[in-house]
Amino acid sequence: MLMTIWRTRPMIKRFFRKGTDESSDVNREAVSSGGVTVLIVDDSPTEVHVLKKILEKHGYRTEVANDGQEGVAMAKRIRPSLILMDVVMPVLNGFQATRQLSKDQSTSAIPVIMVTTKDQETDKSWGMRQGATDYLVKPVAPAELITKIRNVLDR
């Protein structure tokens, strides 16, 4: 158990950008995000843990899917307020999953923010063409993530 904690801790620190404060406005956020469920679709347990920690600290409810196929099925079942979608995943990648969600009448209104290490402009353009609402490149600053979520949900 201690070995696992030792191995994931540096990865969690790398997920955050330097000079960011993840605790700003926590109480105000918790009150304003009351009924919002965010579906995290990512195959990395460490990144899922980090995203859940950020979101739950700000009062968001979270659900998790470990690949794109599971994410599409879960989105149809639970109808989340928003989806955070990784790109590089087994079974169905994030681009394919986002395309399926955007073409399905039952899920097309759910905003998708791609959160990925794929940092090329062509990747961002492709993600947006598949139906993503926004695109973030890891490592993600917690404040930037929360701001993007708020902006997307306010549209």
N, C-alpha and C. Protein backbone atom coordinates (compact mmCIF):
# COMPACT_ATOMS: atom_id res chain seq x y z
N MET A 1 0.83 -1.20 0.00
CA MET A 1 0.00 0.00 0.00
C MET A 1 0.87 1.25 0.00
N LEU A 2 1.88 1.30 0.83
CA LEU A 2 2.75 2.47 0.86
C LEU A 2 3.45 2.67 -0.48
N MET A 3 3.81 1.57 -1.15
CA MET A 3 4.46 1.67 -2.46
C MET A 3 3.53 2.35 -3.46
N THR A 4 2.25 2.01 -3.45
CA THR A 4 1.29 2.61 -4.36
C THR A 4 1.16 4.10 -4.11
N ILE A 5 1.05 4.50 -2.86
CA ILE A 5 0.94 5.92 -2.52
C ILE A 5 2.19 6.66 -2.97
N TRP A 6 3.35 6.08 -2.75
CA TRP A 6 4.60 6.72 -3.14
C TRP A 6 4.67 6.91 -4.65
N ARG A 7 4.19 5.93 -5.40
CA ARG A 7 4.27 5.99 -6.85
C ARG A 7 3.27 6.98 -7.44
N THR A 8 2.08 7.12 -6.89
CA THR A 8 1.08 8.00 -7.49
C THR A 8 1.23 9.45 -7.04
N ARG A 9 1.81 9.68 -5.90
CA ARG A 9 1.92 11.05 -5.40
C ARG A 9 2.66 11.99 -6.34
N PRO A 10 3.83 11.61 -6.89
CA PRO A 10 4.48 12.51 -7.84
C PRO A 10 3.62 12.75 -9.09
N MET A 11 2.86 11.76 -9.51
CA MET A 11 2.02 11.93 -10.69
C MET A 11 0.91 12.93 -10.42
N ILE A 12 0.37 12.91 -9.21
CA ILE A 12 -0.68 13.86 -8.85
C ILE A 12 -0.11 15.28 -8.87
N LYS A 13 1.08 15.46 -8.35
CA LYS A 13 1.69 16.79 -8.35
C LYS A 13 1.93 17.28 -9.77
N ARG A 14 2.31 16.39 -10.68
CA ARG A 14 2.56 16.79 -12.07
C ARG A 14 1.28 17.17 -12.79
N PHE A 15 0.13 16.71 -12.33
CA PHE A 15 -1.13 17.00 -12.98
C PHE A 15 -1.47 18.49 -12.86
N PHE A 16 -1.03 19.11 -11.75
CA PHE A 16 -1.32 20.51 -11.52
C PHE A 16 -0.22 21.38 -12.11
N ARG A 17 -0.60 22.52 -12.65
CA ARG A 17 0.39 23.48 -13.13
C ARG A 17 0.95 24.24 -11.94
N LYS A 18 2.21 24.61 -12.03
CA LYS A 18 2.84 25.37 -10.96
C LYS A 18 2.15 26.71 -10.80
N GLY A 19 2.12 27.15 -9.54
CA GLY A 19 1.59 28.48 -9.26
C GLY A 19 0.08 28.55 -9.26
N THR A 20 -0.60 27.44 -9.08
CA THR A 20 -2.05 27.48 -9.04
C THR A 20 -2.53 27.12 -7.65
N ASP A 21 -3.64 27.69 -7.31
CA ASP A 21 -4.22 27.42 -6.00
C ASP A 21 -5.55 26.73 -6.21
N GLU A 22 -5.62 25.45 -5.85
CA GLU A 22 -6.83 24.68 -6.08
C GLU A 22 -7.90 24.94 -5.03
N SER A 23 -7.60 25.70 -3.98
CA SER A 23 -8.58 25.87 -2.92
C SER A 23 -9.33 27.19 -2.99
N SER A 24 -9.07 28.02 -4.01
CA SER A 24 -9.72 29.32 -4.07
C SER A 24 -11.21 29.17 -4.30
N ASP A 25 -11.98 29.96 -3.57
CA ASP A 25 -13.43 30.02 -3.72
C ASP A 25 -14.14 28.68 -3.53
N VAL A 26 -13.59 27.80 -2.72
CA VAL A 26 -14.18 26.47 -2.55
C VAL A 26 -15.59 26.54 -1.99
N ASN A 27 -15.82 27.32 -0.94
CA ASN A 27 -17.14 27.36 -0.34
C ASN A 27 -18.19 27.94 -1.28
N ARG A 28 -17.85 29.01 -1.98
CA ARG A 28 -18.78 29.61 -2.94
C ARG A 28 -19.11 28.62 -4.06
N GLU A 29 -18.09 27.92 -4.56
CA GLU A 29 -18.28 26.93 -5.62
C GLU A 29 -19.20 25.80 -5.15
N ALA A 30 -18.97 25.31 -3.94
CA ALA A 30 -19.75 24.18 -3.44
C ALA A 30 -21.23 24.53 -3.40
N VAL A 31 -21.54 25.76 -3.05
CA VAL A 31 -22.93 26.17 -2.99
C VAL A 31 -23.51 26.29 -4.39
N SER A 32 -22.75 26.85 -5.34
CA SER A 32 -23.30 27.12 -6.67
C SER A 32 -23.33 25.90 -7.57
N SER A 33 -22.62 24.83 -7.25
CA SER A 33 -22.58 23.66 -8.14
C SER A 33 -23.43 22.51 -7.64
N GLY A 34 -24.30 22.77 -6.69
CA GLY A 34 -25.13 21.78 -6.03
C GLY A 34 -25.64 20.59 -6.81
N GLY A 35 -26.39 20.81 -7.89
CA GLY A 35 -27.02 19.70 -8.57
C GLY A 35 -26.29 19.23 -9.82
N VAL A 36 -25.03 19.55 -9.95
CA VAL A 36 -24.30 19.25 -11.18
C VAL A 36 -23.54 17.93 -11.04
N THR A 37 -23.79 17.03 -12.01
CA THR A 37 -23.05 15.77 -12.06
C THR A 37 -22.11 15.82 -13.25
N VAL A 38 -20.84 15.52 -13.00
CA VAL A 38 -19.83 15.49 -14.04
C VAL A 38 -19.38 14.05 -14.24
N LEU A 39 -19.45 13.59 -15.48
CA LEU A 39 -18.97 12.25 -15.83
C LEU A 39 -17.52 12.39 -16.29
N ILE A 40 -16.62 11.71 -15.60
CA ILE A 40 -15.20 11.68 -15.96
C ILE A 40 -14.96 10.40 -16.76
N VAL A 41 -14.49 10.56 -18.00
CA VAL A 41 -14.19 9.40 -18.84
C VAL A 41 -12.68 9.39 -19.07
N ASP A 42 -12.00 8.52 -18.35
CA ASP A 42 -10.53 8.46 -18.41
C ASP A 42 -10.08 7.09 -17.92
N ASP A 43 -9.07 6.53 -18.56
CA ASP A 43 -8.59 5.20 -18.19
C ASP A 43 -7.46 5.23 -17.17
N SER A 44 -7.01 6.41 -16.79
CA SER A 44 -5.92 6.53 -15.82
C SER A 44 -6.47 6.71 -14.40
N PRO A 45 -6.26 5.74 -13.52
CA PRO A 45 -6.76 5.87 -12.14
C PRO A 45 -6.22 7.11 -11.44
N THR A 46 -4.99 7.46 -11.70
CA THR A 46 -4.40 8.64 -11.06
C THR A 46 -5.10 9.91 -11.51
N GLU A 47 -5.31 10.05 -12.80
CA GLU A 47 -5.95 11.25 -13.30
C GLU A 47 -7.41 11.32 -12.90
N VAL A 48 -8.08 10.19 -12.85
CA VAL A 48 -9.46 10.15 -12.36
C VAL A 48 -9.48 10.63 -10.91
N HIS A 49 -8.57 10.14 -10.10
CA HIS A 49 -8.49 10.53 -8.69
C HIS A 49 -8.30 12.04 -8.56
N VAL A 50 -7.40 12.60 -9.35
CA VAL A 50 -7.12 14.03 -9.28
C VAL A 50 -8.34 14.85 -9.72
N LEU A 51 -8.95 14.47 -10.82
CA LEU A 51 -10.13 15.20 -11.30
C LEU A 51 -11.27 15.11 -10.29
N LYS A 52 -11.51 13.91 -9.75
CA LYS A 52 -12.57 13.75 -8.73
C LYS A 52 -12.29 14.65 -7.53
N LYS A 53 -11.04 14.68 -7.10
CA LYS A 53 -10.67 15.50 -5.94
C LYS A 53 -10.97 16.98 -6.18
N ILE A 54 -10.60 17.46 -7.35
CA ILE A 54 -10.86 18.87 -7.69
C ILE A 54 -12.36 19.14 -7.74
N LEU A 55 -13.08 18.30 -8.47
CA LEU A 55 -14.51 18.53 -8.66
C LEU A 55 -15.30 18.40 -7.36
N GLU A 56 -15.03 17.36 -6.60
CA GLU A 56 -15.77 17.15 -5.35
C GLU A 56 -15.45 18.24 -4.34
N LYS A 57 -14.24 18.75 -4.37
CA LYS A 57 -13.87 19.85 -3.47
C LYS A 57 -14.69 21.10 -3.78
N HIS A 58 -15.12 21.22 -5.03
CA HIS A 58 -15.92 22.36 -5.46
C HIS A 58 -17.41 22.05 -5.49
N GLY A 59 -17.80 20.91 -4.92
CA GLY A 59 -19.21 20.60 -4.75
C GLY A 59 -19.87 19.85 -5.89
N TYR A 60 -19.12 19.45 -6.90
CA TYR A 60 -19.70 18.70 -8.01
C TYR A 60 -19.80 17.22 -7.65
N ARG A 61 -20.88 16.58 -8.12
CA ARG A 61 -20.99 15.13 -8.01
C ARG A 61 -20.25 14.54 -9.19
N THR A 62 -19.62 13.38 -8.99
CA THR A 62 -18.86 12.77 -10.08
C THR A 62 -19.26 11.32 -10.29
N GLU A 63 -19.16 10.91 -11.54
CA GLU A 63 -19.30 9.52 -11.95
C GLU A 63 -18.11 9.24 -12.84
N VAL A 64 -17.70 7.96 -12.92
CA VAL A 64 -16.49 7.61 -13.67
C VAL A 64 -16.75 6.48 -14.65
N ALA A 65 -16.21 6.64 -15.86
CA ALA A 65 -16.18 5.58 -16.86
C ALA A 65 -14.72 5.41 -17.27
N ASN A 66 -14.29 4.17 -17.48
CA ASN A 66 -12.87 3.89 -17.72
C ASN A 66 -12.46 3.82 -19.19
N ASP A 67 -13.40 3.94 -20.10
CA ASP A 67 -13.06 4.00 -21.53
C ASP A 67 -14.22 4.68 -22.25
N GLY A 68 -14.00 4.98 -23.53
CA GLY A 68 -15.00 5.71 -24.29
C GLY A 68 -16.32 4.97 -24.43
N GLN A 69 -16.26 3.68 -24.65
CA GLN A 69 -17.49 2.89 -24.81
C GLN A 69 -18.32 2.92 -23.52
N GLU A 70 -17.65 2.71 -22.41
CA GLU A 70 -18.35 2.77 -21.12
C GLU A 70 -18.89 4.18 -20.87
N GLY A 71 -18.13 5.19 -21.29
CA GLY A 71 -18.55 6.58 -21.12
C GLY A 71 -19.82 6.90 -21.90
N VAL A 72 -19.90 6.44 -23.14
CA VAL A 72 -21.09 6.66 -23.96
C VAL A 72 -22.30 5.99 -23.31
N ALA A 73 -22.14 4.74 -22.90
CA ALA A 73 -23.25 4.01 -22.27
C ALA A 73 -23.69 4.68 -20.98
N MET A 74 -22.72 5.12 -20.17
CA MET A 74 -23.05 5.75 -18.90
C MET A 74 -23.73 7.10 -19.13
N ALA A 75 -23.28 7.86 -20.11
CA ALA A 75 -23.90 9.16 -20.41
C ALA A 75 -25.36 8.98 -20.79
N LYS A 76 -25.66 7.95 -21.56
CA LYS A 76 -27.05 7.67 -21.95
C LYS A 76 -27.89 7.31 -20.73
N ARG A 77 -27.27 6.60 -19.79
CA ARG A 77 -27.99 6.11 -18.62
C ARG A 77 -28.20 7.19 -17.56
N ILE A 78 -27.16 7.97 -17.25
CA ILE A 78 -27.27 8.90 -16.11
C ILE A 78 -27.51 10.35 -16.52
N ARG A 79 -27.32 10.69 -17.79
CA ARG A 79 -27.52 12.05 -18.29
C ARG A 79 -26.79 13.10 -17.42
N PRO A 80 -25.45 13.07 -17.42
CA PRO A 80 -24.71 14.03 -16.61
C PRO A 80 -24.88 15.46 -17.12
N SER A 81 -24.55 16.41 -16.30
CA SER A 81 -24.61 17.82 -16.71
C SER A 81 -23.48 18.16 -17.66
N LEU A 82 -22.36 17.42 -17.54
CA LEU A 82 -21.15 17.70 -18.31
C LEU A 82 -20.28 16.45 -18.33
N ILE A 83 -19.47 16.30 -19.38
CA ILE A 83 -18.54 15.17 -19.47
C ILE A 83 -17.13 15.70 -19.64
N LEU A 84 -16.19 15.17 -18.85
CA LEU A 84 -14.76 15.42 -19.05
C LEU A 84 -14.22 14.17 -19.73
N MET A 85 -13.69 14.34 -20.95
CA MET A 85 -13.33 13.21 -21.80
C MET A 85 -11.84 13.20 -22.13
N ASP A 86 -11.15 12.13 -21.74
CA ASP A 86 -9.78 11.92 -22.18
C ASP A 86 -9.84 11.49 -23.65
N VAL A 87 -8.71 11.53 -24.34
CA VAL A 87 -8.68 11.11 -25.74
C VAL A 87 -8.10 9.71 -25.89
N VAL A 88 -6.92 9.49 -25.32
CA VAL A 88 -6.22 8.21 -25.53
C VAL A 88 -6.71 7.20 -24.50
N MET A 89 -7.61 6.30 -24.98
CA MET A 89 -8.19 5.28 -24.11
C MET A 89 -8.40 4.01 -24.92
N PRO A 90 -8.48 2.88 -24.22
CA PRO A 90 -8.76 1.62 -24.93
C PRO A 90 -10.23 1.54 -25.36
N VAL A 91 -10.53 0.57 -26.15
CA VAL A 91 -11.87 0.22 -26.64
C VAL A 91 -12.39 1.29 -27.62
N LEU A 92 -12.69 2.47 -27.14
CA LEU A 92 -13.21 3.56 -27.95
C LEU A 92 -12.50 4.82 -27.48
N ASN A 93 -11.76 5.49 -28.36
CA ASN A 93 -11.02 6.67 -27.89
C ASN A 93 -11.97 7.85 -27.69
N GLY A 94 -11.45 8.91 -27.10
CA GLY A 94 -12.27 10.06 -26.75
C GLY A 94 -12.88 10.77 -27.94
N PHE A 95 -12.16 10.83 -29.07
CA PHE A 95 -12.71 11.44 -30.27
C PHE A 95 -13.93 10.66 -30.76
N GLN A 96 -13.79 9.32 -30.82
CA GLN A 96 -14.88 8.46 -31.28
C GLN A 96 -16.08 8.55 -30.33
N ALA A 97 -15.80 8.53 -29.04
CA ALA A 97 -16.88 8.60 -28.05
C ALA A 97 -17.61 9.94 -28.14
N THR A 98 -16.85 11.02 -28.30
CA THR A 98 -17.47 12.35 -28.41
C THR A 98 -18.34 12.43 -29.67
N ARG A 99 -17.86 11.88 -30.76
CA ARG A 99 -18.65 11.86 -32.00
C ARG A 99 -19.96 11.10 -31.79
N GLN A 100 -19.88 9.93 -31.13
CA GLN A 100 -21.10 9.15 -30.88
C GLN A 100 -22.08 9.93 -30.01
N LEU A 101 -21.56 10.58 -28.97
CA LEU A 101 -22.42 11.36 -28.08
C LEU A 101 -23.09 12.52 -28.83
N SER A 102 -22.33 13.21 -29.68
CA SER A 102 -22.88 14.38 -30.38
C SER A 102 -23.90 13.99 -31.45
N LYS A 103 -23.82 12.78 -31.97
CA LYS A 103 -24.75 12.35 -33.02
C LYS A 103 -26.00 11.68 -32.45
N ASP A 104 -25.99 11.34 -31.18
CA ASP A 104 -27.13 10.68 -30.55
C ASP A 104 -28.05 11.75 -29.95
N GLN A 105 -29.29 11.73 -30.36
CA GLN A 105 -30.24 12.74 -29.91
C GLN A 105 -30.38 12.77 -28.38
N SER A 106 -30.22 11.63 -27.73
CA SER A 106 -30.39 11.58 -26.28
C SER A 106 -29.21 12.15 -25.51
N THR A 107 -28.05 12.32 -26.16
CA THR A 107 -26.86 12.84 -25.47
C THR A 107 -26.24 14.06 -26.14
N SER A 108 -26.77 14.48 -27.27
CA SER A 108 -26.14 15.56 -28.03
C SER A 108 -26.11 16.91 -27.30
N ALA A 109 -27.00 17.10 -26.34
CA ALA A 109 -27.02 18.37 -25.60
C ALA A 109 -26.05 18.38 -24.41
N ILE A 110 -25.44 17.25 -24.10
CA ILE A 110 -24.51 17.19 -22.97
C ILE A 110 -23.16 17.76 -23.42
N PRO A 111 -22.68 18.83 -22.78
CA PRO A 111 -21.39 19.39 -23.17
C PRO A 111 -20.24 18.45 -22.81
N VAL A 112 -19.24 18.40 -23.70
CA VAL A 112 -18.06 17.58 -23.51
C VAL A 112 -16.83 18.49 -23.52
N ILE A 113 -16.05 18.41 -22.45
CA ILE A 113 -14.76 19.08 -22.41
C ILE A 113 -13.70 17.99 -22.52
N MET A 114 -12.90 18.06 -23.55
CA MET A 114 -11.82 17.09 -23.70
C MET A 114 -10.68 17.54 -22.79
N VAL A 115 -10.16 16.60 -21.99
CA VAL A 115 -9.05 16.87 -21.08
C VAL A 115 -7.99 15.82 -21.39
N THR A 116 -6.93 16.24 -22.08
CA THR A 116 -5.99 15.27 -22.65
C THR A 116 -4.57 15.80 -22.73
N THR A 117 -3.64 14.91 -22.94
CA THR A 117 -2.24 15.30 -23.14
C THR A 117 -1.98 15.65 -24.60
N LYS A 118 -2.91 15.38 -25.48
CA LYS A 118 -2.74 15.67 -26.91
C LYS A 118 -2.83 17.19 -27.10
N ASP A 119 -1.67 17.80 -27.34
CA ASP A 119 -1.60 19.26 -27.31
C ASP A 119 -1.43 19.94 -28.67
N GLN A 120 -1.53 19.18 -29.74
CA GLN A 120 -1.40 19.77 -31.07
C GLN A 120 -2.70 20.50 -31.46
N GLU A 121 -2.56 21.57 -32.19
CA GLU A 121 -3.74 22.32 -32.65
C GLU A 121 -4.66 21.44 -33.50
N THR A 122 -4.06 20.52 -34.26
CA THR A 122 -4.88 19.61 -35.07
C THR A 122 -5.74 18.70 -34.20
N ASP A 123 -5.21 18.29 -33.04
CA ASP A 123 -5.99 17.47 -32.10
C ASP A 123 -7.17 18.26 -31.56
N LYS A 124 -6.91 19.50 -31.18
CA LYS A 124 -7.98 20.35 -30.66
C LYS A 124 -9.05 20.56 -31.73
N SER A 125 -8.63 20.89 -32.95
CA SER A 125 -9.59 21.10 -34.04
C SER A 125 -10.42 19.85 -34.29
N TRP A 126 -9.75 18.70 -34.30
CA TRP A 126 -10.45 17.44 -34.54
C TRP A 126 -11.45 17.17 -33.41
N GLY A 127 -11.05 17.40 -32.19
CA GLY A 127 -11.95 17.20 -31.05
C GLY A 127 -13.18 18.09 -31.13
N MET A 128 -12.97 19.34 -31.52
CA MET A 128 -14.10 20.26 -31.63
C MET A 128 -15.01 19.84 -32.79
N ARG A 129 -14.44 19.35 -33.87
CA ARG A 129 -15.26 18.88 -35.00
C ARG A 129 -16.06 17.63 -34.64
N GLN A 130 -15.59 16.87 -33.67
CA GLN A 130 -16.31 15.67 -33.24
C GLN A 130 -17.47 16.00 -32.30
N GLY A 131 -17.51 17.25 -31.84
CA GLY A 131 -18.62 17.67 -30.99
C GLY A 131 -18.23 18.17 -29.62
N ALA A 132 -16.93 18.25 -29.33
CA ALA A 132 -16.51 18.77 -28.02
C ALA A 132 -16.88 20.25 -27.89
N THR A 133 -17.21 20.64 -26.68
CA THR A 133 -17.56 22.02 -26.39
C THR A 133 -16.32 22.84 -26.08
N ASP A 134 -15.33 22.19 -25.47
CA ASP A 134 -14.08 22.86 -25.12
C ASP A 134 -12.97 21.82 -25.03
N TYR A 135 -11.73 22.28 -24.86
CA TYR A 135 -10.57 21.40 -24.92
C TYR A 135 -9.52 21.92 -23.95
N LEU A 136 -9.07 21.07 -23.05
CA LEU A 136 -8.01 21.42 -22.10
C LEU A 136 -6.85 20.44 -22.26
N VAL A 137 -5.64 20.97 -22.15
CA VAL A 137 -4.45 20.13 -22.25
C VAL A 137 -3.89 19.90 -20.85
N LYS A 138 -3.62 18.62 -20.53
CA LYS A 138 -2.99 18.27 -19.26
C LYS A 138 -1.52 18.66 -19.32
N PRO A 139 -0.95 19.11 -18.23
CA PRO A 139 -1.56 19.22 -16.90
C PRO A 139 -2.52 20.41 -16.83
N VAL A 140 -3.59 20.22 -16.08
CA VAL A 140 -4.64 21.23 -15.97
C VAL A 140 -4.55 21.91 -14.62
N ALA A 141 -4.60 23.22 -14.65
CA ALA A 141 -4.67 23.98 -13.40
C ALA A 141 -6.09 23.83 -12.85
N PRO A 142 -6.25 23.51 -11.58
CA PRO A 142 -7.59 23.35 -11.02
C PRO A 142 -8.49 24.56 -11.26
N ALA A 143 -7.95 25.76 -11.09
CA ALA A 143 -8.75 26.96 -11.31
C ALA A 143 -9.21 27.06 -12.76
N GLU A 144 -8.35 26.69 -13.69
CA GLU A 144 -8.69 26.71 -15.11
C GLU A 144 -9.80 25.69 -15.41
N LEU A 145 -9.70 24.52 -14.82
CA LEU A 145 -10.71 23.48 -15.02
C LEU A 145 -12.07 23.96 -14.51
N ILE A 146 -12.11 24.48 -13.31
CA ILE A 146 -13.37 24.94 -12.72
C ILE A 146 -13.94 26.10 -13.53
N THR A 147 -13.09 27.01 -13.98
CA THR A 147 -13.56 28.13 -14.81
C THR A 147 -14.16 27.63 -16.11
N LYS A 148 -13.50 26.67 -16.77
CA LYS A 148 -14.03 26.11 -18.02
C LYS A 148 -15.38 25.45 -17.77
N ILE A 149 -15.48 24.67 -16.70
CA ILE A 149 -16.74 24.00 -16.38
C ILE A 149 -17.84 25.03 -16.16
N ARG A 150 -17.56 26.06 -15.37
CA ARG A 150 -18.55 27.10 -15.12
C ARG A 150 -18.99 27.78 -16.41
N ASN A 151 -18.02 28.12 -17.26
CA ASN A 151 -18.33 28.79 -18.52
C ASN A 151 -19.19 27.92 -19.42
N VAL A 152 -18.86 26.64 -19.51
CA VAL A 152 -19.63 25.73 -20.35
C VAL A 152 -21.04 25.56 -19.81
N LEU A 153 -21.18 25.41 -18.52
CA LEU A 153 -22.51 25.21 -17.93
C LEU A 153 -23.36 26.47 -17.97
N ASP A 154 -22.73 27.64 -18.04
CA ASP A 154 -23.46 28.90 -18.10
C ASP A 154 -23.98 29.22 -19.50
N ARG A 155 -23.54 28.47 -20.51
CA ARG A 155 -23.97 28.75 -21.90
C ARG A 155 -25.42 28.40 -22.10
